Structures are given as structure tokens and as C-alpha cells.
Amino acid sequence: MDFGDDLVPGSEAHRRKKRYHRHTPRQIQQLEAMFKECPHPDENQRLHLSRELGLEPRQIKFWFQNRRTQMKAQHERADNCFLRAENDKIRCENIAMREALKNVICPTCGGPHSGADDYFDEHKLRMENAHLKEELDRVSSLTSKYLGRPITQLPSMQPLSMSSLELSVGGLGSPVALGPALDLDPLGGSSPFQLPAPVSEMERPMMAEMATRAMDEFIRLAQAGEHLWVKAAGGREVLNVDTYDSIFAKPGSSSFRGPDVHVEGSRDSCLVLTSAIALVDMFMDSSKWTEFFPTIVTRARTIDVLVNGMAGRSESLVLMYEELHVMSPVVPTREFCFLRYCRQIEQGLWAIADVSVDLQRDARYGAPPARSRRLPSGCLIADMSNGYSKVRPSPAAARGIDRSVR
């Protein structure tokens, strides 16, 4: 007896023999007609259709489910196309209105139309002014309480009126007049900084030796590792003051260090889109130095050119004065009188070192003592031969190490 052609229902062979069933045109026509009348037929309606069309109830159920899904997708596709067209239409209208606003002319003055945001700009300025005045009053109160006497206050200012308010539209406007300056020196009453007396012939060798020692110390600082520079928050490297004092002990430095002395030191690196020669020229020229850092260096002046090096660069030594400030109402201005020494270490690598002049020198001429002092610091500039320069900390830039007496 041959059982090879017998298929047991539910077996693997039976499932492999099962084929996809395609509805006939007559069945599809009747199903579509029923779908138009009732997209959600109940069980009795599905049984009735299955008997008429010769299909199983499950097939009727799945056909209606698939048809509803298909109709939903078609409707969503049509809605998306409609919304996309409306969006394009609104965008074109917006562009047209912007172009029209650019050409609007004021009928009164014949000039460009002032935007409708002027009122909101004025309101924002008034709120900022009120906030700044409250902050100024708070800082003045804290400073007066700490020093035991009031600090220099701002003169009374005229209230802001519409006639004195000039708003710039489209980047054009009149220059803004600034009010009186605030005395940010919490010490108050200190004498203004005086430029030092001219350098005598006897002092030139001593200053040259001081600059040479500063350059050597700066190179050692730049090449120092983790024992001298430690990582701070944000990945910034700051100076380990105790280690610095132990390595670079100086005669008489203990007399300068006191409880009111604040020591700062950090280093960083960056790429600059200019040549190394241009950067060196900027460092050695006080006018270019001020123009390059207008928000930090408020004033700078070359007091004397002690050594005019090759083409004004390598081995150049100048005595400079600068005034530094931070854009904060609680940080006083810092003034330095320092030596700036430039040296070309190798081809494409320059070192520039700064060091404050001896404080005892100014005392002999009756000048007030400086409240800030710059210890040997500076930067190394490497030419990248592609129009860039790299100011790097290892073995490169150690930025200002300042001792500020508050």
C-alpha cells in the first residue's frame, strides 16, 4: 500500500502546498459594493457574504480590514499633499511681503519705514537699564559695607525720553553717546598710574639682563608638566602656585607676598588665521596690540625701545605700558609697566616674554606703587606654513601670571 501521496492536515507538507488565494473580479466587485454601504460589517453580514461569494468568514474580515487601512493611507496622502501645497503658498506670500516691506517709504519723512518692533526694543532697553541700576546699587552697597565708606557714585543721569532715544534700523543709525564713567577702583582715592621716568643708560644693561632671565624662566614654564600645571574645571590648565614658588624662588619675593595678594596663572593654546611674523609684529607694536585686543587692552604705549632687533623682531626689547580691563563692574582695571622681549628660537618658532619692571625703580622717582605685577609670562608662536599660526602651551604658551594687590 503506497502512502507517499497522502498529506496529513496541519503537517509541514500541507502548509507548503497552501497557496495564496486571489479573489475573482466578481468577488471583488461585490465586496467593493458592500464596502461603500458599510465599511464595518458585523458578523452576520460577513457570514452572509461568505455564503454568497464562496469565501471563508476570515477572508471577508481580513479583506475589509485591509481595505480600511488602504483608504486611510490614501486619505492621509491626499491631506499631506494639500498641506504641502498650502505651506508653499504661504511661504511665497511671506517672501513677497518681506520684499514689499523693504521698499516701504515713510510718507512723512520720505525715509525707510521704522519697524513695528521699535516699541518692544525700547521696552527691552528700559528693562535692562533698570536691572543694571539695581545691580549697581547692590554692588555699591556690598562694597561700601566691606570698605566702611561709600565708593564713588555715578552722577545723576537724565531720564531717557523718546526724543533722546535713537534706534538703529537696518544697521544704520547715529553714534550712541555714553554716560559718565563709573569709578571701578574699590580702593578709591588711589593716585592715577604715572608712566615711569625715561630709561637711563645705566639701567639699560640691567633691564636687558632682567628680560633675558624672564625669557629663560618663561621657557621653563612652557615646558613644565603636570607638577607645575594642573587641570581645572573645563579642561583649563592653571598654575600650581606652591610648586612655582619652590622652583622659581626670588630674592625679596616674600616681602611682596601678603594676605591681600592674589596670584593668578593659566595657559591655553589655539590656532590663529595669520602668519607668525604678523603676530610678532602685533605683539611688539603697542598700537597694533591695542587694535588686536580692543575689549581687553584699553590703552597701550611703547615707553622706550631698548634694543631694536633684526627687522624689528628677533632680539627686540621694548619697555611698554598697558591698561587691561575685564567687562565686569566688579573687577578693577589693571595697569602694567613691563618689558617685552622677542626671540626667534628656530625657523618658524618665536618666543615672546613679558615681565614687570622692578617696583623699586619707580619708587625712586616718586611714582605710586603698582597694584599689579606681571611675572615672567608670554607665548610661543609657531608658523604652520599654511597661513595659520599655532600658539601652544606644550611646550608653548603660558598666559599672564599676575600678582594683584587688592
Protein backbone atom coordinates (compact mmCIF):
# COMPACT_ATOMS: atom_id res chain seq x y z
CA MET A 1 0.00 0.00 0.00
CA ASP A 2 1.53 3.43 -1.05
CA PHE A 3 1.13 6.27 1.43
CA GLY A 4 3.57 8.67 -0.30
CA ASP A 5 0.85 10.96 -1.72
CA ASP A 6 -1.23 11.25 1.46
CA LEU A 7 -0.98 14.67 3.20
CA VAL A 8 -1.90 14.93 6.83
CA PRO A 9 -3.82 18.20 7.52
CA GLY A 10 -1.69 20.63 9.58
CA SER A 11 1.62 18.99 8.61
CA GLU A 12 4.61 20.87 7.15
CA ALA A 13 3.90 19.45 3.68
CA HIS A 14 0.31 20.69 3.91
CA ARG A 15 1.47 24.21 4.82
CA ARG A 16 3.98 24.20 1.93
CA LYS A 17 1.22 23.20 -0.50
CA LYS A 18 -1.03 26.09 0.66
CA ARG A 19 -1.09 28.85 -1.98
CA TYR A 20 -2.13 32.48 -1.96
CA HIS A 21 -5.82 32.86 -2.86
CA ARG A 22 -6.67 35.70 -5.25
CA HIS A 23 -10.27 36.91 -5.33
CA THR A 24 -12.15 36.84 -8.63
CA PRO A 25 -13.37 40.09 -10.25
CA ARG A 26 -16.95 39.19 -9.29
CA GLN A 27 -15.99 38.72 -5.65
CA ILE A 28 -14.03 42.00 -5.59
CA GLN A 29 -16.96 43.88 -7.20
CA GLN A 30 -19.46 42.63 -4.61
CA LEU A 31 -17.03 43.31 -1.76
CA GLU A 32 -16.44 46.89 -3.01
CA ALA A 33 -20.18 47.49 -3.25
CA MET A 34 -20.65 46.24 0.30
CA PHE A 35 -17.73 48.36 1.49
CA LYS A 36 -19.35 51.53 0.12
CA GLU A 37 -22.56 50.76 2.01
CA CYS A 38 -20.97 49.50 5.24
CA PRO A 39 -17.20 49.69 5.81
CA HIS A 40 -17.61 47.88 9.17
CA PRO A 41 -19.86 44.83 8.63
CA ASP A 42 -20.93 42.80 11.63
CA GLU A 43 -20.56 39.05 11.98
CA ASN A 44 -23.96 38.23 10.37
CA GLN A 45 -23.16 40.37 7.34
CA ARG A 46 -19.77 38.70 6.96
CA LEU A 47 -21.40 35.22 7.14
CA HIS A 48 -23.94 36.22 4.50
CA LEU A 49 -21.16 37.50 2.19
CA SER A 50 -19.08 34.40 2.70
CA ARG A 51 -22.01 32.16 1.63
CA GLU A 52 -22.74 34.29 -1.44
CA LEU A 53 -19.11 34.57 -2.59
CA GLY A 54 -17.90 31.16 -1.51
CA LEU A 55 -15.27 32.60 0.86
CA GLU A 56 -14.47 31.92 4.47
CA PRO A 57 -15.59 34.47 7.12
CA ARG A 58 -11.94 35.09 7.99
CA GLN A 59 -11.21 36.11 4.39
CA ILE A 60 -14.13 38.54 4.43
CA LYS A 61 -12.94 40.02 7.75
CA PHE A 62 -9.34 40.48 6.57
CA TRP A 63 -10.39 41.96 3.25
CA PHE A 64 -12.42 44.67 4.97
CA GLN A 65 -9.54 45.38 7.40
CA ASN A 66 -7.05 45.74 4.55
CA ARG A 67 -9.47 47.91 2.59
CA ARG A 68 -10.00 50.28 5.53
CA THR A 69 -6.21 50.56 6.03
CA GLN A 70 -5.73 51.30 2.34
CA MET A 71 -8.39 54.03 2.36
CA LYS A 72 -6.88 55.62 5.45
CA ALA A 73 -3.44 55.75 3.81
CA GLN A 74 -4.90 57.32 0.68
CA HIS A 75 -6.69 59.99 2.68
CA GLU A 76 -3.52 60.81 4.68
CA ARG A 77 -1.51 61.04 1.47
CA ALA A 78 -4.04 63.42 -0.04
CA ASP A 79 -4.07 65.57 3.14
CA ASN A 80 -0.28 65.77 3.14
CA CYS A 81 -0.19 66.89 -0.48
CA PHE A 82 -2.80 69.56 0.24
CA LEU A 83 -0.96 70.84 3.34
CA ARG A 84 2.37 70.88 1.48
CA ALA A 85 0.84 72.99 -1.28
CA GLU A 86 -0.68 75.39 1.27
CA ASN A 87 2.69 75.66 3.04
CA ASP A 88 4.45 76.54 -0.20
CA LYS A 89 1.79 79.13 -0.95
CA ILE A 90 2.14 80.77 2.48
CA ARG A 91 5.94 80.77 2.19
CA CYS A 92 5.74 82.56 -1.17
CA GLU A 93 3.35 85.12 0.28
CA ASN A 94 5.71 85.67 3.24
CA ILE A 95 8.67 86.27 0.95
CA ALA A 96 6.62 88.67 -1.16
CA MET A 97 5.53 90.65 1.93
CA ARG A 98 9.13 90.85 3.21
CA GLU A 99 10.29 92.21 -0.12
CA ALA A 100 7.44 94.71 -0.09
CA LEU A 101 8.34 95.90 3.43
CA LYS A 102 11.90 96.57 2.33
CA ASN A 103 10.61 99.11 -0.20
CA VAL A 104 8.10 100.85 2.09
CA ILE A 105 8.76 104.60 2.40
CA CYS A 106 7.55 106.73 5.29
CA PRO A 107 5.02 109.27 3.91
CA THR A 108 6.11 111.89 6.48
CA CYS A 109 9.89 111.96 6.12
CA GLY A 110 10.38 110.01 2.91
CA GLY A 111 12.84 107.68 4.60
CA PRO A 112 12.70 103.94 5.21
CA HIS A 113 9.87 102.73 7.35
CA SER A 114 10.74 102.11 11.02
CA GLY A 115 9.78 98.60 12.01
CA ALA A 116 6.94 97.80 14.35
CA ASP A 117 9.43 96.34 16.83
CA ASP A 118 10.73 99.76 17.94
CA TYR A 119 8.37 99.88 20.88
CA PHE A 120 9.44 96.44 22.04
CA ASP A 121 13.12 97.36 21.58
CA GLU A 122 12.66 100.47 23.72
CA HIS A 123 10.80 98.48 26.38
CA LYS A 124 13.60 95.90 26.45
CA LEU A 125 16.23 98.63 26.83
CA ARG A 126 14.32 100.19 29.72
CA MET A 127 14.08 96.83 31.48
CA GLU A 128 17.81 96.19 31.01
CA ASN A 129 18.66 99.66 32.33
CA ALA A 130 16.52 99.08 35.41
CA HIS A 131 18.17 95.71 36.00
CA LEU A 132 21.66 97.22 35.63
CA LYS A 133 20.80 100.03 38.05
CA GLU A 134 19.60 97.52 40.65
CA GLU A 135 22.81 95.50 40.19
CA LEU A 136 24.91 98.65 40.54
CA ASP A 137 23.12 99.63 43.75
CA ARG A 138 23.61 96.14 45.16
CA VAL A 139 27.34 96.05 44.35
CA SER A 140 27.83 99.59 45.72
CA SER A 141 26.11 98.62 48.96
CA LEU A 142 28.25 95.48 49.39
CA THR A 143 31.46 97.36 48.59
CA SER A 144 30.63 100.21 50.98
CA LYS A 145 29.86 97.72 53.73
CA TYR A 146 33.18 95.92 53.13
CA LEU A 147 35.34 99.07 52.96
CA GLY A 148 33.49 101.02 55.62
CA ARG A 149 32.92 104.02 53.34
CA PRO A 150 30.94 104.71 50.16
CA ILE A 151 32.60 104.34 46.77
CA THR A 152 32.45 106.91 44.02
CA GLN A 153 28.90 107.05 42.73
CA LEU A 154 27.56 107.83 39.31
CA PRO A 155 26.32 111.38 38.72
CA SER A 156 22.62 111.74 38.37
CA MET A 157 21.53 110.86 34.88
CA GLN A 158 18.71 112.40 32.92
CA PRO A 159 15.70 110.13 32.38
CA LEU A 160 15.52 108.52 28.99
CA SER A 161 12.95 110.10 26.71
CA MET A 162 11.76 109.32 23.25
CA SER A 163 13.48 112.44 21.92
CA SER A 164 16.89 111.27 23.16
CA LEU A 165 16.41 107.62 22.18
CA GLU A 166 17.93 106.81 18.79
CA LEU A 167 17.14 103.38 17.45
CA SER A 168 19.08 101.96 14.52
CA VAL A 169 17.05 100.33 11.74
CA GLY A 170 18.75 98.08 9.22
CA GLY A 171 22.18 98.62 10.78
CA LEU A 172 22.09 102.41 10.18
CA GLY A 173 21.92 104.94 12.97
CA SER A 174 23.65 107.73 14.78
CA PRO A 175 26.56 107.12 17.12
CA VAL A 176 25.48 106.36 20.68
CA ALA A 177 26.66 108.76 23.38
CA LEU A 178 27.79 107.02 26.54
CA GLY A 179 27.11 108.31 30.03
CA PRO A 180 29.67 109.21 32.71
CA ALA A 181 32.20 106.52 33.60
CA LEU A 182 31.93 104.63 36.87
CA ASP A 183 34.89 104.59 39.22
CA LEU A 184 35.56 100.86 39.45
CA ASP A 185 38.51 101.17 41.80
CA PRO A 186 37.24 99.84 45.15
CA LEU A 187 40.28 101.28 46.89
CA GLY A 188 39.20 104.76 45.87
CA GLY A 189 41.46 107.75 46.30
CA SER A 190 44.49 105.97 44.86
CA SER A 191 46.64 108.12 42.65
CA PRO A 192 46.38 107.60 38.89
CA PHE A 193 49.06 105.48 37.32
CA GLN A 194 52.04 107.52 36.13
CA LEU A 195 54.31 106.46 33.32
CA PRO A 196 57.84 105.73 34.56
CA ALA A 197 60.75 108.08 34.02
CA PRO A 198 62.86 107.62 30.87
CA VAL A 199 65.32 104.76 30.97
CA SER A 200 68.86 105.90 31.69
CA GLU A 201 71.96 104.44 30.11
CA MET A 202 72.88 102.73 33.40
CA GLU A 203 69.51 100.99 33.58
CA ARG A 204 69.57 99.54 30.07
CA PRO A 205 72.02 96.68 30.84
CA MET A 206 70.07 95.78 33.98
CA MET A 207 66.78 95.68 32.06
CA ALA A 208 68.36 93.59 29.31
CA GLU A 209 69.55 91.09 31.92
CA MET A 210 66.10 91.10 33.54
CA ALA A 211 64.48 90.35 30.17
CA THR A 212 66.92 87.51 29.49
CA ARG A 213 66.16 85.90 32.85
CA ALA A 214 62.44 86.31 32.21
CA MET A 215 62.75 84.59 28.82
CA ASP A 216 64.63 81.65 30.38
CA GLU A 217 62.03 81.31 33.14
CA PHE A 218 59.19 81.52 30.63
CA ILE A 219 60.70 78.72 28.52
CA ARG A 220 60.96 76.55 31.63
CA LEU A 221 57.33 77.37 32.48
CA ALA A 222 56.21 76.48 28.98
CA GLN A 223 57.99 73.13 29.05
CA ALA A 224 56.83 72.22 32.57
CA GLY A 225 54.48 69.29 33.02
CA GLU A 226 51.82 68.23 35.49
CA HIS A 227 53.93 69.08 38.53
CA LEU A 228 53.58 72.81 37.72
CA TRP A 229 50.32 72.92 35.72
CA VAL A 230 47.17 71.20 36.96
CA LYS A 231 43.88 70.60 35.20
CA ALA A 232 40.98 72.75 36.36
CA ALA A 233 37.27 72.64 35.60
CA GLY A 234 36.57 72.78 31.89
CA GLY A 235 39.95 71.32 30.93
CA ARG A 236 41.81 74.56 31.59
CA GLU A 237 45.35 74.36 32.99
CA VAL A 238 46.13 76.57 36.00
CA LEU A 239 49.36 77.25 37.80
CA ASN A 240 50.30 75.37 40.97
CA VAL A 241 51.42 78.41 42.97
CA ASP A 242 53.22 76.47 45.73
CA THR A 243 55.26 74.49 43.22
CA TYR A 244 56.03 77.67 41.29
CA ASP A 245 57.32 79.42 44.42
CA SER A 246 59.52 76.45 45.28
CA ILE A 247 61.06 76.22 41.80
CA PHE A 248 61.39 79.93 40.97
CA ALA A 249 62.28 81.38 44.34
CA LYS A 250 63.22 85.06 44.00
CA PRO A 251 65.06 87.34 46.47
CA GLY A 252 62.61 89.64 48.21
CA SER A 253 59.52 87.86 46.88
CA SER A 254 58.37 87.09 50.42
CA SER A 255 58.04 90.80 51.13
CA PHE A 256 55.73 91.19 48.17
CA ARG A 257 53.55 88.20 49.10
CA GLY A 258 50.96 89.04 51.74
CA PRO A 259 47.45 88.16 52.83
CA ASP A 260 45.99 90.65 50.33
CA VAL A 261 47.90 89.28 47.34
CA HIS A 262 46.01 87.23 44.76
CA VAL A 263 48.03 85.00 42.43
CA GLU A 264 46.73 84.01 39.00
CA GLY A 265 48.22 81.78 36.34
CA SER A 266 46.85 79.74 33.43
CA ARG A 267 47.82 78.54 29.97
CA ASP A 268 46.00 77.53 26.81
CA SER A 269 46.57 77.01 23.07
CA CYS A 270 44.80 77.97 19.85
CA LEU A 271 45.14 78.40 16.08
CA VAL A 272 45.21 81.91 14.62
CA LEU A 273 44.44 82.71 11.00
CA THR A 274 47.55 84.81 10.38
CA SER A 275 51.25 84.29 9.92
CA ALA A 276 53.71 84.11 12.79
CA ILE A 277 55.56 87.20 11.54
CA ALA A 278 52.32 89.22 11.59
CA LEU A 279 51.60 88.07 15.16
CA VAL A 280 55.10 89.01 16.29
CA ASP A 281 54.74 92.47 14.72
CA MET A 282 51.41 92.86 16.53
CA PHE A 283 52.96 91.94 19.89
CA MET A 284 55.85 94.37 19.51
CA ASP A 285 53.72 97.32 18.31
CA SER A 286 51.61 98.89 21.10
CA SER A 287 49.12 100.40 18.61
CA LYS A 288 48.52 97.05 16.88
CA TRP A 289 48.40 95.37 20.30
CA THR A 290 45.50 97.62 21.31
CA GLU A 291 43.68 97.13 18.00
CA PHE A 292 44.04 93.32 18.19
CA PHE A 293 42.51 93.11 21.69
CA PRO A 294 40.15 96.11 21.85
CA THR A 295 37.91 94.58 24.53
CA ILE A 296 40.81 93.70 26.86
CA VAL A 297 43.58 96.27 26.27
CA THR A 298 42.10 99.74 26.77
CA ARG A 299 45.41 101.60 26.47
CA ALA A 300 48.94 100.70 25.47
CA ARG A 301 52.09 102.70 24.85
CA THR A 302 55.69 101.99 23.96
CA ILE A 303 57.76 103.93 26.51
CA ASP A 304 61.19 103.09 25.16
CA VAL A 305 62.83 100.79 22.61
CA LEU A 306 65.80 99.37 24.48
CA VAL A 307 67.02 97.01 21.75
CA ASN A 308 65.93 97.15 18.12
CA GLY A 309 66.45 93.61 16.85
CA MET A 310 66.74 92.21 13.37
CA ALA A 311 63.99 93.77 11.24
CA GLY A 312 62.37 94.89 14.48
CA ARG A 313 61.63 91.32 15.53
CA SER A 314 64.20 88.85 16.88
CA GLU A 315 66.11 90.03 19.98
CA SER A 316 63.90 93.13 20.22
CA LEU A 317 63.36 94.54 23.70
CA VAL A 318 60.83 97.27 24.48
CA LEU A 319 59.51 98.89 27.64
CA MET A 320 55.71 99.08 27.40
CA TYR A 321 52.74 100.28 29.40
CA GLU A 322 49.26 98.78 29.12
CA GLU A 323 45.94 99.03 30.85
CA LEU A 324 43.82 95.86 30.99
CA HIS A 325 40.21 95.52 31.98
CA VAL A 326 37.55 92.85 32.17
CA MET A 327 33.99 93.66 31.08
CA SER A 328 32.62 93.39 34.61
CA PRO A 329 31.63 96.15 37.06
CA VAL A 330 33.31 94.38 39.99
CA VAL A 331 36.79 93.81 38.51
CA PRO A 332 39.14 96.82 38.75
CA THR A 333 41.36 97.91 35.89
CA ARG A 334 44.93 96.55 35.94
CA GLU A 335 47.90 98.61 34.83
CA PHE A 336 51.32 97.21 34.00
CA CYS A 337 54.67 98.65 33.11
CA PHE A 338 56.67 95.77 31.71
CA LEU A 339 59.46 94.63 29.44
CA ARG A 340 58.55 92.68 26.30
CA TYR A 341 61.34 90.57 24.82
CA CYS A 342 61.11 88.78 21.46
CA ARG A 343 63.40 85.94 20.40
CA GLN A 344 63.39 83.64 17.38
CA ILE A 345 64.18 80.19 18.76
CA GLU A 346 64.34 78.45 15.39
CA GLN A 347 62.97 78.82 11.89
CA GLY A 348 59.22 79.47 12.18
CA LEU A 349 59.18 79.46 16.01
CA TRP A 350 59.09 82.67 18.07
CA ALA A 351 59.02 83.30 21.80
CA ILE A 352 57.71 86.49 23.40
CA ALA A 353 58.19 87.01 27.13
CA ASP A 354 56.83 89.75 29.41
CA VAL A 355 57.96 90.77 32.88
CA SER A 356 57.12 93.78 35.03
CA VAL A 357 59.93 96.21 35.72
CA ASP A 358 61.42 96.42 39.20
CA LEU A 359 58.99 98.17 41.53
CA GLN A 360 61.83 99.86 43.43
CA ARG A 361 62.78 101.78 40.31
CA ASP A 362 59.50 103.73 40.25
CA ALA A 363 59.69 104.41 43.98
CA ARG A 364 62.94 106.37 43.48
CA TYR A 365 61.10 108.72 41.13
CA GLY A 366 58.14 109.22 43.47
CA ALA A 367 55.67 107.20 41.42
CA PRO A 368 52.93 105.34 43.30
CA PRO A 369 53.45 101.60 43.72
CA ALA A 370 51.75 99.43 41.12
CA ARG A 371 48.79 97.35 42.32
CA SER A 372 49.54 94.58 39.82
CA ARG A 373 52.71 92.85 38.78
CA ARG A 374 53.37 90.53 35.90
CA LEU A 375 55.85 87.73 36.50
CA PRO A 376 57.64 86.10 33.53
CA SER A 377 54.96 85.02 31.08
CA GLY A 378 54.25 85.11 27.37
CA CYS A 379 53.64 82.79 24.45
CA LEU A 380 55.34 80.68 21.79
CA ILE A 381 54.17 81.24 18.21
CA ALA A 382 54.75 78.51 15.63
CA ASP A 383 54.24 79.15 11.91
CA MET A 384 52.09 76.38 10.35
CA SER A 385 53.18 77.25 6.77
CA ASN A 386 49.53 77.29 5.61
CA GLY A 387 48.58 80.81 6.64
CA TYR A 388 47.88 79.74 10.24
CA SER A 389 49.92 80.17 13.40
CA LYS A 390 49.71 77.97 16.47
CA VAL A 391 50.00 79.40 19.95
CA ARG A 392 50.54 76.29 22.03
CA PRO A 393 51.18 75.54 25.68
CA SER A 394 53.35 72.41 25.48
CA PRO A 395 55.99 73.40 25.04
CA ALA A 396 54.35 76.76 24.49
CA ALA A 397 52.05 79.46 25.75
CA ALA A 398 51.83 80.32 29.39
CA ARG A 399 49.49 83.25 29.73
CA GLY A 400 49.75 86.04 32.25
CA ILE A 401 50.95 85.19 35.71
CA ASP A 402 49.82 88.31 37.57
CA ARG A 403 50.14 89.19 41.21
CA SER A 404 47.47 91.72 42.07
CA VAL A 405 47.42 93.51 45.41
CA ARG A 406 43.78 94.24 46.20
